[in-house]
N, C-alpha and C. Protein backbone atom coordinates (compact mmCIF):
# COMPACT_ATOMS: atom_id res chain seq x y z
N MET A 1 146.14 -31.66 96.12
CA MET A 1 145.98 -31.65 94.88
C MET A 1 144.45 -32.80 94.70
N GLU A 2 144.07 -33.51 95.49
CA GLU A 2 143.26 -34.42 95.58
C GLU A 2 141.96 -33.87 96.05
N THR A 3 141.75 -32.85 95.54
CA THR A 3 140.58 -31.97 95.86
C THR A 3 139.63 -31.50 94.83
N ARG A 4 138.39 -31.49 94.83
CA ARG A 4 137.53 -31.24 93.84
C ARG A 4 137.27 -29.49 93.66
N ARG A 5 138.48 -28.92 93.18
CA ARG A 5 138.67 -27.66 92.95
C ARG A 5 139.57 -27.09 92.12
N PRO A 6 139.51 -25.80 91.44
CA PRO A 6 140.44 -25.42 90.34
C PRO A 6 141.80 -25.15 91.08
N ILE A 7 142.88 -25.54 90.54
CA ILE A 7 144.27 -24.96 90.60
C ILE A 7 145.15 -24.56 89.67
N ALA A 8 146.02 -23.65 89.99
CA ALA A 8 146.64 -22.99 88.68
C ALA A 8 147.89 -23.21 88.81
N PRO A 9 148.69 -24.20 88.06
CA PRO A 9 149.87 -24.24 88.17
C PRO A 9 150.49 -23.62 87.11
N THR A 10 151.75 -22.79 87.49
CA THR A 10 152.23 -22.19 86.03
C THR A 10 153.83 -22.66 85.95
N VAL A 11 154.36 -22.81 84.56
CA VAL A 11 155.43 -23.53 84.40
C VAL A 11 156.46 -22.60 83.60
N GLN A 12 157.73 -22.72 83.40
CA GLN A 12 158.66 -21.93 82.83
C GLN A 12 159.16 -22.58 81.69
N GLN A 13 158.84 -24.11 81.44
CA GLN A 13 159.27 -24.71 80.36
C GLN A 13 158.10 -25.33 79.51
N ASN A 14 158.17 -25.28 78.24
CA ASN A 14 157.04 -25.69 77.46
C ASN A 14 156.67 -27.30 77.27
N ASP A 15 157.80 -28.08 77.39
CA ASP A 15 157.67 -29.34 77.55
C ASP A 15 157.00 -29.93 78.63
N GLU A 16 157.44 -29.14 79.75
CA GLU A 16 157.08 -29.57 81.14
C GLU A 16 155.56 -29.32 81.22
N ARG A 17 154.86 -28.68 80.50
CA ARG A 17 153.55 -28.07 80.45
C ARG A 17 152.65 -29.45 80.55
N ALA A 18 152.90 -30.14 79.35
CA ALA A 18 152.12 -31.27 79.00
C ALA A 18 152.56 -32.12 80.16
N GLN A 19 153.82 -32.44 80.40
CA GLN A 19 154.09 -33.59 81.21
C GLN A 19 153.35 -33.42 82.72
N THR A 20 153.20 -32.24 83.12
CA THR A 20 152.81 -32.03 84.39
C THR A 20 151.49 -32.74 84.19
N GLY A 21 150.50 -32.07 83.42
CA GLY A 21 149.15 -32.57 83.11
C GLY A 21 148.79 -33.91 83.02
N ILE A 22 149.62 -34.47 81.98
CA ILE A 22 149.41 -36.02 81.73
C ILE A 22 149.87 -36.91 83.17
N ALA A 23 150.98 -36.42 83.61
CA ALA A 23 151.35 -37.02 84.86
C ALA A 23 150.12 -37.17 85.94
N SER A 24 149.39 -36.31 86.03
CA SER A 24 148.19 -36.12 86.98
C SER A 24 147.17 -36.87 86.57
N LEU A 25 146.86 -36.95 85.19
CA LEU A 25 145.76 -37.73 84.59
C LEU A 25 145.87 -39.22 84.60
N ASP A 26 147.24 -39.63 84.39
CA ASP A 26 147.78 -40.83 84.45
C ASP A 26 147.43 -41.65 85.78
N HIS A 27 147.96 -40.80 86.81
CA HIS A 27 148.22 -41.18 88.10
C HIS A 27 146.47 -41.46 88.84
N GLY A 28 145.65 -40.56 88.23
CA GLY A 28 144.22 -40.51 88.53
C GLY A 28 143.56 -41.83 88.20
N ALA A 29 143.82 -42.02 86.57
CA ALA A 29 143.43 -43.13 86.04
C ALA A 29 143.98 -44.48 86.40
N VAL A 30 145.07 -44.67 86.90
CA VAL A 30 145.65 -45.98 87.01
C VAL A 30 145.69 -46.42 88.87
N ARG A 31 145.95 -45.47 89.39
CA ARG A 31 145.95 -45.30 90.95
C ARG A 31 144.95 -45.06 91.68
N CYS A 32 143.99 -43.95 91.11
CA CYS A 32 143.01 -43.58 91.83
C CYS A 32 141.43 -43.83 91.50
N ASN A 33 141.47 -44.70 90.26
CA ASN A 33 140.24 -44.93 89.78
C ASN A 33 139.43 -43.58 89.49
N GLU A 34 140.00 -42.42 89.00
CA GLU A 34 139.29 -41.38 88.38
C GLU A 34 139.46 -41.10 87.07
N ASN A 35 138.52 -41.07 86.04
CA ASN A 35 138.64 -40.72 85.09
C ASN A 35 139.18 -38.97 84.75
N GLY A 36 139.97 -38.74 83.42
CA GLY A 36 140.32 -37.56 83.17
C GLY A 36 140.09 -37.05 81.65
N VAL A 37 139.95 -35.70 81.82
CA VAL A 37 140.16 -35.09 80.42
C VAL A 37 141.16 -34.06 80.39
N TYR A 38 142.10 -34.16 79.32
CA TYR A 38 143.01 -33.25 78.81
C TYR A 38 142.43 -32.36 77.71
N ALA A 39 142.36 -31.10 78.12
CA ALA A 39 141.69 -30.27 76.99
C ALA A 39 142.88 -29.00 76.68
N SER A 40 143.23 -29.30 75.46
CA SER A 40 144.42 -28.70 74.98
C SER A 40 143.98 -27.52 74.02
N VAL A 41 144.61 -26.13 74.09
CA VAL A 41 144.35 -25.14 73.00
C VAL A 41 145.44 -25.26 71.90
N ILE A 42 146.62 -25.71 72.48
CA ILE A 42 147.59 -25.80 71.90
C ILE A 42 148.10 -26.92 70.99
N GLU A 43 148.18 -27.98 71.77
CA GLU A 43 148.62 -29.42 70.85
C GLU A 43 147.55 -30.27 70.58
N SER A 44 147.85 -31.06 69.56
CA SER A 44 146.72 -32.34 69.00
C SER A 44 146.91 -33.28 70.05
N GLY A 45 145.90 -34.27 70.09
CA GLY A 45 145.90 -35.63 70.85
C GLY A 45 147.09 -36.37 70.32
N GLU A 46 147.42 -36.46 69.06
CA GLU A 46 148.73 -37.20 68.72
C GLU A 46 149.83 -37.06 69.19
N LYS A 47 149.88 -35.65 69.33
CA LYS A 47 151.43 -35.06 69.55
C LYS A 47 151.69 -35.23 71.23
N LEU A 48 150.31 -34.93 72.02
CA LEU A 48 150.41 -35.50 73.57
C LEU A 48 150.64 -36.90 73.87
N LYS A 49 150.08 -37.84 73.10
CA LYS A 49 150.33 -39.23 72.85
C LYS A 49 152.09 -39.54 72.53
N ARG A 50 152.51 -38.99 71.80
CA ARG A 50 153.95 -39.40 71.58
C ARG A 50 154.68 -38.83 72.49
N ASN A 51 154.54 -37.61 73.16
CA ASN A 51 155.31 -37.15 74.27
C ASN A 51 155.06 -38.04 75.60
N ALA A 52 153.65 -38.57 75.82
CA ALA A 52 153.58 -39.47 76.82
C ALA A 52 154.21 -40.54 76.82
N ARG A 53 154.56 -41.23 75.69
CA ARG A 53 155.24 -42.42 75.53
C ARG A 53 156.58 -42.47 75.88
N ARG A 54 157.29 -41.22 75.65
CA ARG A 54 158.55 -41.17 76.42
C ARG A 54 158.72 -41.57 77.76
N PHE A 55 157.65 -41.24 78.39
CA PHE A 55 157.77 -41.59 79.78
C PHE A 55 156.90 -42.83 80.33
N GLY A 56 156.46 -43.62 79.33
CA GLY A 56 155.85 -44.93 79.39
C GLY A 56 154.49 -44.78 79.79
N TRP A 57 153.68 -44.04 79.58
CA TRP A 57 152.41 -43.52 79.74
C TRP A 57 151.51 -44.07 78.40
N ASP A 58 150.84 -44.95 78.48
CA ASP A 58 149.97 -45.48 77.56
C ASP A 58 148.69 -44.68 77.35
N LEU A 59 148.60 -43.72 76.64
CA LEU A 59 147.27 -42.73 76.67
C LEU A 59 146.44 -43.31 75.88
N ASP A 60 146.73 -44.12 74.62
CA ASP A 60 146.16 -45.09 73.78
C ASP A 60 145.18 -46.08 74.74
N ARG A 61 146.02 -46.68 75.48
CA ARG A 61 145.17 -47.90 76.42
C ARG A 61 144.04 -47.16 77.30
N LEU A 62 144.51 -45.95 77.98
CA LEU A 62 143.65 -45.32 78.68
C LEU A 62 142.24 -45.06 78.15
N GLU A 63 142.52 -44.43 76.76
CA GLU A 63 141.27 -43.94 76.03
C GLU A 63 140.21 -45.17 75.75
N LYS A 64 141.01 -46.49 75.50
CA LYS A 64 140.24 -47.62 74.93
C LYS A 64 139.55 -47.98 76.34
N GLU A 65 140.15 -47.87 77.32
CA GLU A 65 139.51 -48.32 79.07
C GLU A 65 138.30 -47.19 79.16
N GLY A 66 138.24 -45.95 78.40
CA GLY A 66 137.29 -45.25 78.83
C GLY A 66 137.53 -44.09 80.03
N LYS A 67 138.84 -44.28 80.32
CA LYS A 67 139.39 -43.41 81.57
C LYS A 67 140.00 -42.16 81.25
N LEU A 68 140.24 -42.01 79.89
CA LEU A 68 140.81 -40.80 79.38
C LEU A 68 140.24 -40.20 78.07
N GLN A 69 140.29 -38.68 77.96
CA GLN A 69 139.72 -38.39 76.87
C GLN A 69 140.59 -37.14 76.56
N LEU A 70 141.06 -37.09 75.34
CA LEU A 70 142.07 -35.88 74.89
C LEU A 70 140.98 -35.02 73.82
N VAL A 71 140.99 -33.77 74.10
CA VAL A 71 140.21 -33.02 73.84
C VAL A 71 141.09 -31.61 73.14
N SER A 72 141.32 -31.65 71.76
CA SER A 72 142.04 -30.58 71.17
C SER A 72 140.92 -29.34 70.67
N LEU A 73 141.05 -28.28 71.37
CA LEU A 73 140.52 -27.23 71.03
C LEU A 73 140.88 -26.07 70.19
N GLN A 74 141.98 -26.48 69.11
CA GLN A 74 142.45 -25.74 68.29
C GLN A 74 141.54 -25.30 67.14
N SER A 75 140.63 -26.30 66.72
CA SER A 75 139.75 -25.97 65.76
C SER A 75 138.60 -25.38 66.39
N THR A 76 138.13 -25.95 67.39
CA THR A 76 136.92 -25.50 68.30
C THR A 76 136.82 -23.83 68.60
N MET A 77 138.19 -23.21 69.05
CA MET A 77 138.45 -22.01 69.40
C MET A 77 138.00 -21.02 68.20
N LYS A 78 138.15 -21.46 66.96
CA LYS A 78 137.73 -20.64 66.09
C LYS A 78 136.26 -20.11 66.06
N ALA A 79 135.33 -21.07 66.36
CA ALA A 79 134.01 -20.80 66.88
C ALA A 79 133.76 -19.89 68.14
N GLY A 80 134.69 -19.87 68.73
CA GLY A 80 134.48 -18.91 69.97
C GLY A 80 134.87 -19.58 71.22
N VAL A 81 135.43 -18.89 72.39
CA VAL A 81 135.67 -19.50 73.73
C VAL A 81 134.32 -20.04 74.28
N SER A 82 133.24 -19.77 74.20
CA SER A 82 132.09 -20.44 74.82
C SER A 82 131.98 -21.63 73.93
N THR A 83 132.18 -21.93 73.05
CA THR A 83 131.99 -23.39 72.60
C THR A 83 132.96 -24.03 72.75
N ALA A 84 133.96 -23.81 73.07
CA ALA A 84 135.37 -24.54 73.67
C ALA A 84 135.05 -25.02 74.86
N LEU A 85 134.51 -24.08 75.49
CA LEU A 85 133.93 -24.51 76.91
C LEU A 85 133.01 -25.34 77.07
N GLU A 86 131.84 -25.25 76.02
CA GLU A 86 130.73 -26.28 76.08
C GLU A 86 131.46 -27.53 75.65
N THR A 87 132.34 -27.74 74.93
CA THR A 87 133.19 -29.03 74.27
C THR A 87 133.79 -29.58 75.80
N VAL A 88 134.51 -28.76 76.44
CA VAL A 88 135.09 -29.28 77.51
C VAL A 88 134.06 -30.00 78.38
N LEU A 89 133.09 -29.29 78.75
CA LEU A 89 131.98 -29.76 79.82
C LEU A 89 131.35 -30.98 79.23
N GLU A 90 131.04 -31.22 77.89
CA GLU A 90 130.30 -32.31 77.38
C GLU A 90 131.64 -33.57 77.42
N ALA A 91 132.86 -33.15 77.44
CA ALA A 91 133.61 -34.31 77.68
C ALA A 91 133.74 -34.84 78.99
N LEU A 92 133.50 -33.83 79.83
CA LEU A 92 133.55 -34.02 81.50
C LEU A 92 132.49 -34.96 81.66
N HIS A 93 131.22 -34.62 81.27
CA HIS A 93 130.18 -35.10 81.55
C HIS A 93 129.81 -36.55 80.78
N SER A 94 130.44 -36.77 79.72
CA SER A 94 130.28 -38.33 79.22
C SER A 94 131.12 -39.19 79.65
N LEU A 95 132.08 -38.52 80.04
CA LEU A 95 133.13 -39.77 80.83
C LEU A 95 133.12 -39.76 82.38
N ASN A 96 132.29 -38.93 82.83
CA ASN A 96 132.25 -38.93 84.38
C ASN A 96 133.53 -38.61 84.99
N ALA A 97 134.12 -37.44 84.33
CA ALA A 97 135.78 -37.10 84.87
C ALA A 97 135.56 -36.57 86.23
N ARG A 98 136.66 -37.11 86.99
CA ARG A 98 136.97 -36.41 88.31
C ARG A 98 138.20 -35.59 88.17
N ARG A 99 138.82 -35.42 86.94
CA ARG A 99 139.95 -34.67 86.93
C ARG A 99 139.99 -33.80 85.35
N LEU A 100 140.57 -32.72 85.59
CA LEU A 100 140.66 -31.83 84.09
C LEU A 100 141.81 -31.23 84.20
N VAL A 101 142.48 -31.37 83.00
CA VAL A 101 143.83 -30.41 82.74
C VAL A 101 143.40 -29.46 81.55
N PHE A 102 143.48 -28.27 82.03
CA PHE A 102 143.39 -27.12 80.71
C PHE A 102 144.42 -26.44 80.35
N ASP A 103 144.71 -26.53 79.13
CA ASP A 103 146.39 -26.45 78.76
C ASP A 103 146.13 -25.50 77.33
N SER A 104 146.35 -24.23 77.46
CA SER A 104 146.49 -23.47 78.71
C SER A 104 145.74 -22.18 78.66
N LEU A 105 145.76 -21.60 79.94
CA LEU A 105 144.99 -20.57 80.11
C LEU A 105 146.03 -19.24 79.38
N SER A 106 147.18 -19.35 79.12
CA SER A 106 148.03 -18.35 78.40
C SER A 106 147.24 -18.13 77.22
N ALA A 107 147.25 -19.34 76.30
CA ALA A 107 146.81 -19.60 75.16
C ALA A 107 145.25 -18.92 75.20
N LEU A 108 144.48 -19.29 76.20
CA LEU A 108 143.13 -19.00 76.02
C LEU A 108 142.80 -17.43 76.14
N MET A 109 143.83 -16.94 76.81
CA MET A 109 143.45 -15.46 77.03
C MET A 109 143.87 -14.47 75.86
N THR A 110 144.43 -15.25 75.00
CA THR A 110 144.82 -14.44 73.75
C THR A 110 143.41 -14.24 72.83
N ALA A 111 142.67 -15.00 72.98
CA ALA A 111 141.20 -14.64 72.46
C ALA A 111 140.16 -13.78 72.72
N PHE A 112 140.57 -12.93 74.01
CA PHE A 112 139.90 -11.88 74.55
C PHE A 112 140.54 -10.64 74.01
N GLU A 113 139.89 -9.51 73.95
CA GLU A 113 140.14 -8.28 73.60
C GLU A 113 140.48 -7.58 74.61
N SER A 114 140.08 -7.53 75.92
CA SER A 114 140.47 -6.96 76.85
C SER A 114 140.78 -7.80 78.11
N THR A 115 141.25 -7.37 79.41
CA THR A 115 141.63 -8.18 80.41
C THR A 115 140.38 -8.36 81.34
N ALA A 116 139.44 -7.18 81.25
CA ALA A 116 137.96 -7.38 81.83
C ALA A 116 137.16 -8.53 81.18
N GLU A 117 137.27 -8.63 79.98
CA GLU A 117 136.53 -9.62 79.42
C GLU A 117 137.02 -11.21 79.58
N ALA A 118 138.37 -11.22 79.61
CA ALA A 118 139.24 -12.31 79.89
C ALA A 118 138.72 -12.81 81.59
N ARG A 119 138.75 -11.89 82.44
CA ARG A 119 138.38 -12.04 83.97
C ARG A 119 137.10 -12.40 83.97
N SER A 120 136.00 -12.02 83.26
CA SER A 120 134.74 -12.38 83.43
C SER A 120 134.56 -13.60 82.93
N PHE A 121 134.96 -14.10 81.71
CA PHE A 121 134.91 -15.50 81.19
C PHE A 121 135.34 -16.35 82.37
N LEU A 122 136.67 -15.88 82.62
CA LEU A 122 137.18 -17.07 83.58
C LEU A 122 136.35 -17.24 84.88
N HIS A 123 135.71 -16.42 85.35
CA HIS A 123 134.60 -16.44 86.75
C HIS A 123 133.76 -17.61 86.10
N ILE A 124 133.05 -17.23 85.12
CA ILE A 124 131.78 -18.17 84.57
C ILE A 124 132.45 -19.59 84.34
N MET A 125 133.77 -19.60 83.70
CA MET A 125 134.25 -21.08 83.52
C MET A 125 134.40 -21.72 84.68
N LEU A 126 134.99 -21.17 85.93
CA LEU A 126 135.26 -21.78 87.25
C LEU A 126 133.94 -22.12 87.95
N LYS A 127 132.95 -21.41 87.72
CA LYS A 127 131.57 -21.79 88.37
C LYS A 127 130.90 -23.00 87.73
N PHE A 128 131.29 -23.04 86.20
CA PHE A 128 130.85 -24.49 85.56
C PHE A 128 131.86 -25.85 85.99
N LEU A 129 133.14 -25.40 86.20
CA LEU A 129 134.05 -26.36 86.64
C LEU A 129 133.76 -26.94 88.11
N GLU A 130 133.34 -26.12 88.81
CA GLU A 130 133.20 -26.25 90.24
C GLU A 130 131.82 -27.12 90.19
N ALA A 131 130.92 -26.95 89.47
CA ALA A 131 129.64 -27.84 89.56
C ALA A 131 129.99 -29.01 88.86
N ALA A 132 130.95 -29.07 88.16
CA ALA A 132 131.16 -30.42 87.38
C ALA A 132 131.92 -31.46 88.46
N ASN A 133 132.32 -30.72 89.63
CA ASN A 133 133.03 -31.60 90.89
C ASN A 133 134.42 -32.21 90.31
N CYS A 134 134.97 -31.60 89.88
CA CYS A 134 136.24 -32.43 89.48
C CYS A 134 137.57 -31.31 89.72
N THR A 135 138.56 -32.01 90.02
CA THR A 135 140.06 -31.43 90.26
C THR A 135 140.43 -30.86 88.90
N THR A 136 140.54 -29.65 88.81
CA THR A 136 141.10 -29.05 87.62
C THR A 136 142.62 -28.01 87.79
N LEU A 137 143.35 -28.64 86.59
CA LEU A 137 144.65 -28.06 86.70
C LEU A 137 144.58 -27.06 85.54
N MET A 138 144.69 -25.75 85.80
CA MET A 138 144.47 -24.86 84.86
C MET A 138 146.00 -24.37 84.49
N ILE A 139 146.56 -24.68 83.61
CA ILE A 139 147.95 -24.43 83.34
C ILE A 139 148.49 -22.88 82.50
N SER A 140 149.18 -22.22 83.31
CA SER A 140 149.58 -21.06 82.62
C SER A 140 151.20 -21.15 82.32
N GLU A 141 151.61 -20.39 81.57
CA GLU A 141 153.24 -20.38 80.87
C GLU A 141 153.66 -18.97 81.37
N VAL A 142 155.04 -19.26 81.78
CA VAL A 142 155.86 -18.11 81.91
C VAL A 142 157.15 -18.13 81.04
N PRO A 143 157.28 -17.12 80.44
CA PRO A 143 158.62 -17.25 79.79
C PRO A 143 159.81 -17.32 80.26
N TRP A 144 160.84 -17.77 80.12
CA TRP A 144 162.16 -17.79 80.76
C TRP A 144 162.61 -16.73 81.32
N GLY A 145 162.92 -16.70 82.64
CA GLY A 145 163.58 -15.50 83.26
C GLY A 145 162.51 -14.39 83.53
N LYS A 146 161.16 -14.66 83.54
CA LYS A 146 160.11 -13.64 83.94
C LYS A 146 159.74 -14.11 85.30
N GLN A 147 159.41 -12.95 86.06
CA GLN A 147 158.89 -13.52 87.54
C GLN A 147 157.26 -13.29 87.49
N GLN A 148 156.72 -12.60 86.71
CA GLN A 148 155.41 -12.60 86.58
C GLN A 148 154.48 -13.80 86.34
N LEU A 149 153.46 -14.22 87.12
CA LEU A 149 152.85 -15.44 86.82
C LEU A 149 151.53 -15.43 85.95
N GLY A 150 151.39 -16.02 84.92
CA GLY A 150 150.62 -16.29 83.87
C GLY A 150 150.22 -14.78 83.50
N THR A 151 148.98 -14.16 83.50
CA THR A 151 148.67 -13.14 82.77
C THR A 151 148.13 -12.00 84.04
N ASN A 152 148.79 -12.24 85.37
CA ASN A 152 148.49 -11.43 86.47
C ASN A 152 147.25 -11.55 87.24
N PHE A 153 146.32 -12.26 86.73
CA PHE A 153 145.15 -12.35 87.55
C PHE A 153 144.49 -13.75 87.67
N GLU A 154 144.74 -14.66 86.72
CA GLU A 154 144.10 -16.10 86.90
C GLU A 154 144.66 -16.90 88.12
N GLU A 155 145.91 -16.42 88.64
CA GLU A 155 146.25 -17.28 90.04
C GLU A 155 145.42 -16.97 91.30
N PHE A 156 144.86 -15.75 91.13
CA PHE A 156 144.01 -15.52 91.92
C PHE A 156 142.64 -15.84 92.12
N LEU A 157 142.05 -16.38 90.99
CA LEU A 157 140.74 -17.15 90.88
C LEU A 157 140.80 -18.46 91.42
N GLY A 158 141.89 -19.27 91.23
CA GLY A 158 141.84 -20.75 91.69
C GLY A 158 142.01 -20.83 93.19
N ASP A 159 141.85 -21.98 93.41
CA ASP A 159 141.83 -22.17 94.97
C ASP A 159 143.32 -22.67 95.19
N GLY A 160 144.32 -22.84 94.33
CA GLY A 160 145.67 -23.26 94.62
C GLY A 160 146.49 -22.39 93.64
N LEU A 161 147.58 -22.36 93.86
CA LEU A 161 148.74 -22.14 93.06
C LEU A 161 149.74 -22.79 93.12
N ILE A 162 150.45 -23.39 92.02
CA ILE A 162 151.50 -24.23 92.06
C ILE A 162 152.51 -23.77 90.94
N VAL A 163 153.91 -23.50 91.54
CA VAL A 163 154.77 -22.89 90.51
C VAL A 163 155.93 -23.86 90.30
N LEU A 164 155.89 -24.04 89.09
CA LEU A 164 157.08 -24.97 88.63
C LEU A 164 158.23 -24.12 87.97
N ASP A 165 159.18 -24.05 88.42
CA ASP A 165 160.20 -23.11 88.27
C ASP A 165 161.34 -23.78 87.74
N ALA A 166 161.89 -23.40 86.42
CA ALA A 166 163.18 -23.92 85.86
C ALA A 166 164.08 -22.93 85.76
N SER A 167 165.47 -23.28 86.15
CA SER A 167 166.47 -22.10 85.98
C SER A 167 167.92 -22.82 86.13
N PHE A 168 168.83 -22.13 85.52
CA PHE A 168 170.26 -22.77 85.53
C PHE A 168 171.11 -22.45 86.60
N ASP A 169 171.76 -23.87 87.17
CA ASP A 169 172.19 -23.69 88.48
C ASP A 169 173.64 -24.51 88.18
N ASN A 170 174.76 -24.18 88.23
CA ASN A 170 175.97 -24.73 87.88
C ASN A 170 176.02 -25.56 86.65
N SER A 171 175.38 -24.61 85.43
CA SER A 171 175.75 -25.15 84.18
C SER A 171 174.41 -26.34 83.87
N ARG A 172 173.73 -26.60 84.86
CA ARG A 172 172.31 -27.46 84.37
C ARG A 172 170.98 -26.75 84.87
N VAL A 173 170.04 -27.39 84.24
CA VAL A 173 169.08 -26.94 84.63
C VAL A 173 168.32 -27.73 85.73
N ARG A 174 167.73 -26.69 86.67
CA ARG A 174 167.22 -26.94 87.81
C ARG A 174 165.63 -26.84 88.13
N ARG A 175 164.98 -27.96 88.34
CA ARG A 175 163.66 -27.64 88.52
C ARG A 175 163.05 -27.71 90.00
N ARG A 176 162.41 -26.89 89.96
CA ARG A 176 161.99 -26.63 91.60
C ARG A 176 160.35 -26.28 91.51
N ILE A 177 159.66 -26.66 92.69
CA ILE A 177 158.47 -26.63 93.00
C ILE A 177 157.81 -25.78 93.86
N TYR A 178 156.96 -24.86 94.06
CA TYR A 178 156.56 -24.09 94.90
C TYR A 178 155.06 -24.17 95.24
N ILE A 179 154.48 -24.01 96.42
CA ILE A 179 152.92 -23.89 96.36
C ILE A 179 152.69 -22.60 97.41
N PRO A 180 152.63 -21.32 96.84
CA PRO A 180 152.54 -20.31 97.68
C PRO A 180 150.94 -20.33 98.13
N LYS A 181 150.02 -21.16 97.50
CA LYS A 181 148.57 -20.90 97.92
C LYS A 181 147.89 -22.23 97.67
N MET A 182 147.03 -22.66 98.67
CA MET A 182 146.53 -23.74 98.69
C MET A 182 145.40 -23.94 99.49
N ARG A 183 144.28 -23.24 99.08
CA ARG A 183 143.04 -22.84 100.19
C ARG A 183 142.36 -24.14 101.04
N GLY A 184 142.35 -24.11 102.10
CA GLY A 184 141.65 -25.13 103.10
C GLY A 184 142.67 -26.16 103.34
N THR A 185 144.03 -26.24 102.83
CA THR A 185 144.83 -27.41 102.85
C THR A 185 146.29 -27.02 103.67
N GLU A 186 146.66 -27.46 104.69
CA GLU A 186 148.01 -27.29 105.14
C GLU A 186 148.94 -27.82 104.13
N HIS A 187 150.10 -26.81 103.99
CA HIS A 187 151.18 -27.15 103.08
C HIS A 187 152.21 -26.21 103.38
N ARG A 188 153.38 -26.91 103.14
CA ARG A 188 154.61 -26.29 103.38
C ARG A 188 155.14 -25.26 102.25
N LEU A 189 155.82 -24.01 102.91
CA LEU A 189 156.00 -23.05 101.51
C LEU A 189 157.21 -23.09 100.90
N GLU A 190 158.17 -24.00 101.54
CA GLU A 190 159.61 -24.34 101.03
C GLU A 190 159.49 -24.91 99.80
N GLY A 191 160.53 -24.52 98.96
CA GLY A 191 160.68 -25.32 97.47
C GLY A 191 161.29 -26.51 97.63
N TYR A 192 160.88 -27.32 96.43
CA TYR A 192 161.59 -28.56 96.51
C TYR A 192 162.02 -28.96 95.01
N ASP A 193 162.97 -29.55 94.99
CA ASP A 193 163.46 -29.95 93.71
C ASP A 193 162.52 -31.08 93.13
N TYR A 194 162.31 -31.17 91.91
CA TYR A 194 161.23 -32.22 91.48
C TYR A 194 161.86 -32.83 90.03
N TYR A 195 161.13 -34.07 90.02
CA TYR A 195 161.56 -34.58 88.43
C TYR A 195 160.41 -35.40 88.14
N ILE A 196 160.40 -35.55 86.77
CA ILE A 196 159.46 -36.22 86.12
C ILE A 196 159.76 -37.46 85.40
N THR A 197 159.49 -38.68 86.23
CA THR A 197 159.68 -39.86 85.61
C THR A 197 158.58 -40.79 85.22
N ARG A 198 158.99 -41.98 84.92
CA ARG A 198 157.92 -43.10 84.57
C ARG A 198 156.79 -43.26 85.68
N GLU A 199 157.24 -42.89 86.99
CA GLU A 199 156.43 -43.21 88.01
C GLU A 199 155.52 -41.95 88.10
N GLY A 200 155.66 -40.82 87.24
CA GLY A 200 154.87 -39.76 87.70
C GLY A 200 155.77 -38.64 88.24
N PHE A 201 155.23 -37.79 88.98
CA PHE A 201 155.72 -36.72 89.60
C PHE A 201 156.73 -37.05 90.79
N ALA A 202 157.85 -36.74 90.90
CA ALA A 202 158.68 -37.13 91.98
C ALA A 202 159.22 -35.84 92.78
N LEU A 203 159.08 -35.82 93.95
CA LEU A 203 160.01 -34.72 94.81
C LEU A 203 161.11 -35.08 95.49
N ALA A 204 161.94 -34.04 95.40
CA ALA A 204 163.24 -34.77 96.43
C ALA A 204 162.79 -34.53 97.86
N PRO A 205 163.33 -35.55 98.54
CA PRO A 205 162.96 -35.82 99.94
C PRO A 205 163.02 -34.66 101.10
N THR A 206 164.07 -33.64 100.67
CA THR A 206 164.19 -32.39 101.48
C THR A 206 163.95 -31.22 100.83
N PRO A 207 163.44 -30.11 101.66
CA PRO A 207 163.37 -28.91 100.92
C PRO A 207 164.62 -28.08 100.54
N ILE A 208 164.48 -27.22 99.61
CA ILE A 208 165.66 -26.29 99.00
C ILE A 208 166.13 -25.54 100.29
N PRO A 209 167.27 -25.54 100.80
CA PRO A 209 167.83 -24.50 101.68
C PRO A 209 167.44 -23.02 101.52
N PRO A 210 167.08 -22.29 102.46
CA PRO A 210 166.90 -20.94 102.10
C PRO A 210 167.84 -20.17 101.31
N ASP A 211 169.24 -20.51 101.69
CA ASP A 211 170.19 -19.78 100.90
C ASP A 211 170.24 -19.73 99.37
N LYS A 212 169.62 -21.13 98.93
CA LYS A 212 169.70 -21.28 97.75
C LYS A 212 168.64 -21.16 97.08
N ILE A 213 167.55 -20.52 97.39
CA ILE A 213 166.29 -19.95 96.93
C ILE A 213 166.58 -18.72 96.27
N ARG A 214 166.16 -18.48 95.18
CA ARG A 214 166.58 -16.91 94.50
C ARG A 214 165.46 -16.09 94.97
């Protein structure tokens, strides 16, 4: 994930959508000296900050230090998706950001009248983001119990695909991560249990046994 290219994570829990993105940006700003932008079609900056405090992530401090910018696209979307994209690109340029979280493609796709129109815009969007030379997490959401990834096409446009799965296992929710696709990078295909902690994204040390994978 430390590459300058678009990656499309899909998540099955709404609360983990924001947590995954914020964890990436906090890690980049604090440990890698990489500025980041969180562009949200769904949530306001204040709500993101409140959720982040639960994990000890101080987004206010990162903003004041010029390492992070939260961009709410809720009102900008009313002017059209092209205006929203321009807003994101301006934020990347002003911050010299090397990481972008776009939350979420699922919400963005509802602005288009057809799949062909959405696909065309997404191709253009990816070209601009590649030119910006930043690692981009483009988040999609999957309803509980569904196997379809996103809207069936955005995962094919990114250079990587990360699946964050949540399911009931012995009366508890089990979180698992799979990486079916990561172009140009050696990676394992086994699933791993994962946790979101104050230290960020943590994986279990051993893969999930094959007989435990659905």
